[in-house]
Amino acid sequence: MSELSQAVIQLSGRTNDISRTYLHHAACGQVSSRLDTLARAISKPENPGQLLLAAESAMQTGHTSGMDAVTGLLLGLATWEGRQAWL
């Protein structure tokens, strides 16, 4: 995880100031509460209704930022899951 965080910070120069700030904070383990709630709902899918509410809430952030963050979260989780299968 530490190596991934370092790589994200190093590569964050390829994007704009706002995205770079979000990436830097995420690499340091700090994300929005809405995205954190969604990640927790995905990891423990005990209540499908709560998962839907968490996803909707996270996607409503900003004009496109919420959708972008949720897409990044889902792609990251899918990549992580695929990597775990190979370990």
C-alpha atoms as a PDB file:
ATOM      1  CA  MET A   1       0.000   0.000   0.000  1.00  0.00           C
ATOM      2  CA  SER A   2       2.872   2.328   0.807  1.00  0.00           C
ATOM      3  CA  GLU A   3       4.401   1.792  -2.634  1.00  0.00           C
ATOM      4  CA  LEU A   4       1.070   2.510  -4.312  1.00  0.00           C
ATOM      5  CA  SER A   5       0.636   5.695  -2.289  1.00  0.00           C
ATOM      6  CA  GLN A   6       4.100   6.877  -3.265  1.00  0.00           C
ATOM      7  CA  ALA A   7       3.431   6.145  -6.937  1.00  0.00           C
ATOM      8  CA  VAL A   8       0.133   8.042  -6.826  1.00  0.00           C
ATOM      9  CA  ILE A   9       1.835  11.089  -5.324  1.00  0.00           C
ATOM     10  CA  GLN A  10       4.664  10.940  -7.871  1.00  0.00           C
ATOM     11  CA  LEU A  11       2.284  10.638 -10.826  1.00  0.00           C
ATOM     12  CA  SER A  12      -0.185  13.229  -9.547  1.00  0.00           C
ATOM     13  CA  GLY A  13       1.766  15.952 -11.340  1.00  0.00           C
ATOM     14  CA  ARG A  14       0.106  14.781 -14.541  1.00  0.00           C
ATOM     15  CA  THR A  15      -3.265  16.229 -13.556  1.00  0.00           C
ATOM     16  CA  ASN A  16      -4.700  19.576 -12.501  1.00  0.00           C
ATOM     17  CA  ASP A  17      -4.279  21.224  -9.102  1.00  0.00           C
ATOM     18  CA  ILE A  18      -7.647  20.099  -7.744  1.00  0.00           C
ATOM     19  CA  SER A  19      -7.228  16.459  -8.766  1.00  0.00           C
ATOM     20  CA  ARG A  20      -3.643  16.469  -7.514  1.00  0.00           C
ATOM     21  CA  THR A  21      -4.845  17.665  -4.106  1.00  0.00           C
ATOM     22  CA  TYR A  22      -7.483  14.916  -3.898  1.00  0.00           C
ATOM     23  CA  LEU A  23      -4.977  12.267  -5.005  1.00  0.00           C
ATOM     24  CA  HIS A  24      -2.380  13.432  -2.491  1.00  0.00           C
ATOM     25  CA  HIS A  25      -4.871  13.322   0.375  1.00  0.00           C
ATOM     26  CA  ALA A  26      -6.208   9.919  -0.707  1.00  0.00           C
ATOM     27  CA  ALA A  27      -2.659   8.558  -0.878  1.00  0.00           C
ATOM     28  CA  CYS A  28      -2.269   9.730   2.721  1.00  0.00           C
ATOM     29  CA  GLY A  29      -5.487   7.941   3.732  1.00  0.00           C
ATOM     30  CA  GLN A  30      -7.733  11.005   3.840  1.00  0.00           C
ATOM     31  CA  VAL A  31     -10.868  10.887   1.691  1.00  0.00           C
ATOM     32  CA  SER A  32     -14.257  12.558   1.830  1.00  0.00           C
ATOM     33  CA  SER A  33     -16.683  11.158   4.350  1.00  0.00           C
ATOM     34  CA  ARG A  34     -19.105  10.294   1.527  1.00  0.00           C
ATOM     35  CA  LEU A  35     -16.486   8.244  -0.290  1.00  0.00           C
ATOM     36  CA  ASP A  36     -15.429   6.593   2.966  1.00  0.00           C
ATOM     37  CA  THR A  37     -19.055   5.685   3.716  1.00  0.00           C
ATOM     38  CA  LEU A  38     -19.416   4.184   0.244  1.00  0.00           C
ATOM     39  CA  ALA A  39     -16.205   2.158   0.572  1.00  0.00           C
ATOM     40  CA  ARG A  40     -17.389   0.799   3.917  1.00  0.00           C
ATOM     41  CA  ALA A  41     -20.822  -0.061   2.490  1.00  0.00           C
ATOM     42  CA  ILE A  42     -19.155  -1.911  -0.396  1.00  0.00           C
ATOM     43  CA  SER A  43     -16.825  -3.838   1.905  1.00  0.00           C
ATOM     44  CA  LYS A  44     -19.670  -4.906   4.209  1.00  0.00           C
ATOM     45  CA  PRO A  45     -22.769  -5.212   2.016  1.00  0.00           C
ATOM     46  CA  GLU A  46     -25.180  -6.029   4.835  1.00  0.00           C
ATOM     47  CA  ASN A  47     -27.797  -3.504   3.761  1.00  0.00           C
ATOM     48  CA  PRO A  48     -28.308  -3.029  -0.014  1.00  0.00           C
ATOM     49  CA  GLY A  49     -30.429   0.053   0.630  1.00  0.00           C
ATOM     50  CA  GLN A  50     -27.623   1.701   2.541  1.00  0.00           C
ATOM     51  CA  LEU A  51     -25.185   0.870  -0.259  1.00  0.00           C
ATOM     52  CA  LEU A  52     -27.467   2.579  -2.769  1.00  0.00           C
ATOM     53  CA  LEU A  53     -27.847   5.657  -0.548  1.00  0.00           C
ATOM     54  CA  ALA A  54     -24.088   5.850  -0.012  1.00  0.00           C
ATOM     55  CA  ALA A  55     -23.425   5.585  -3.759  1.00  0.00           C
ATOM     56  CA  GLU A  56     -25.991   8.261  -4.582  1.00  0.00           C
ATOM     57  CA  SER A  57     -24.600  10.574  -1.920  1.00  0.00           C
ATOM     58  CA  ALA A  58     -21.011  10.159  -3.122  1.00  0.00           C
ATOM     59  CA  MET A  59     -21.987  10.742  -6.754  1.00  0.00           C
ATOM     60  CA  GLN A  60     -23.777  14.001  -5.896  1.00  0.00           C
ATOM     61  CA  THR A  61     -20.536  15.739  -4.911  1.00  0.00           C
ATOM     62  CA  GLY A  62     -19.700  18.601  -7.271  1.00  0.00           C
ATOM     63  CA  HIS A  63     -20.608  18.673 -10.951  1.00  0.00           C
ATOM     64  CA  THR A  64     -18.569  15.604 -12.001  1.00  0.00           C
ATOM     65  CA  SER A  65     -16.182  15.120  -9.068  1.00  0.00           C
ATOM     66  CA  GLY A  66     -18.437  12.678  -7.258  1.00  0.00           C
ATOM     67  CA  MET A  67     -18.869  10.460 -10.293  1.00  0.00           C
ATOM     68  CA  ASP A  68     -15.133  10.633 -10.954  1.00  0.00           C
ATOM     69  CA  ALA A  69     -14.320   9.689  -7.359  1.00  0.00           C
ATOM     70  CA  VAL A  70     -16.782   6.775  -7.349  1.00  0.00           C
ATOM     71  CA  THR A  71     -15.413   5.552 -10.689  1.00  0.00           C
ATOM     72  CA  GLY A  72     -11.874   5.726  -9.300  1.00  0.00           C
ATOM     73  CA  LEU A  73     -12.916   3.897  -6.146  1.00  0.00           C
ATOM     74  CA  LEU A  74     -14.608   1.113  -8.109  1.00  0.00           C
ATOM     75  CA  LEU A  75     -11.695   0.754 -10.534  1.00  0.00           C
ATOM     76  CA  GLY A  76      -9.271   0.692  -7.626  1.00  0.00           C
ATOM     77  CA  LEU A  77     -11.276  -1.960  -5.801  1.00  0.00           C
ATOM     78  CA  ALA A  78     -11.561  -4.084  -8.949  1.00  0.00           C
ATOM     79  CA  THR A  79      -7.815  -3.802  -9.551  1.00  0.00           C
ATOM     80  CA  TRP A  80      -7.063  -4.601  -5.911  1.00  0.00           C
ATOM     81  CA  GLU A  81      -9.371  -7.627  -6.038  1.00  0.00           C
ATOM     82  CA  GLY A  82      -7.689  -8.877  -9.203  1.00  0.00           C
ATOM     83  CA  ARG A  83      -4.265  -8.388  -7.634  1.00  0.00           C
ATOM     84  CA  GLN A  84      -5.296 -10.307  -4.515  1.00  0.00           C
ATOM     85  CA  ALA A  85      -6.311 -13.283  -6.664  1.00  0.00           C
ATOM     86  CA  TRP A  86      -2.713 -13.493  -7.933  1.00  0.00           C
ATOM     87  CA  LEU A  87      -1.041 -13.346  -4.510  1.00  0.00           C
END
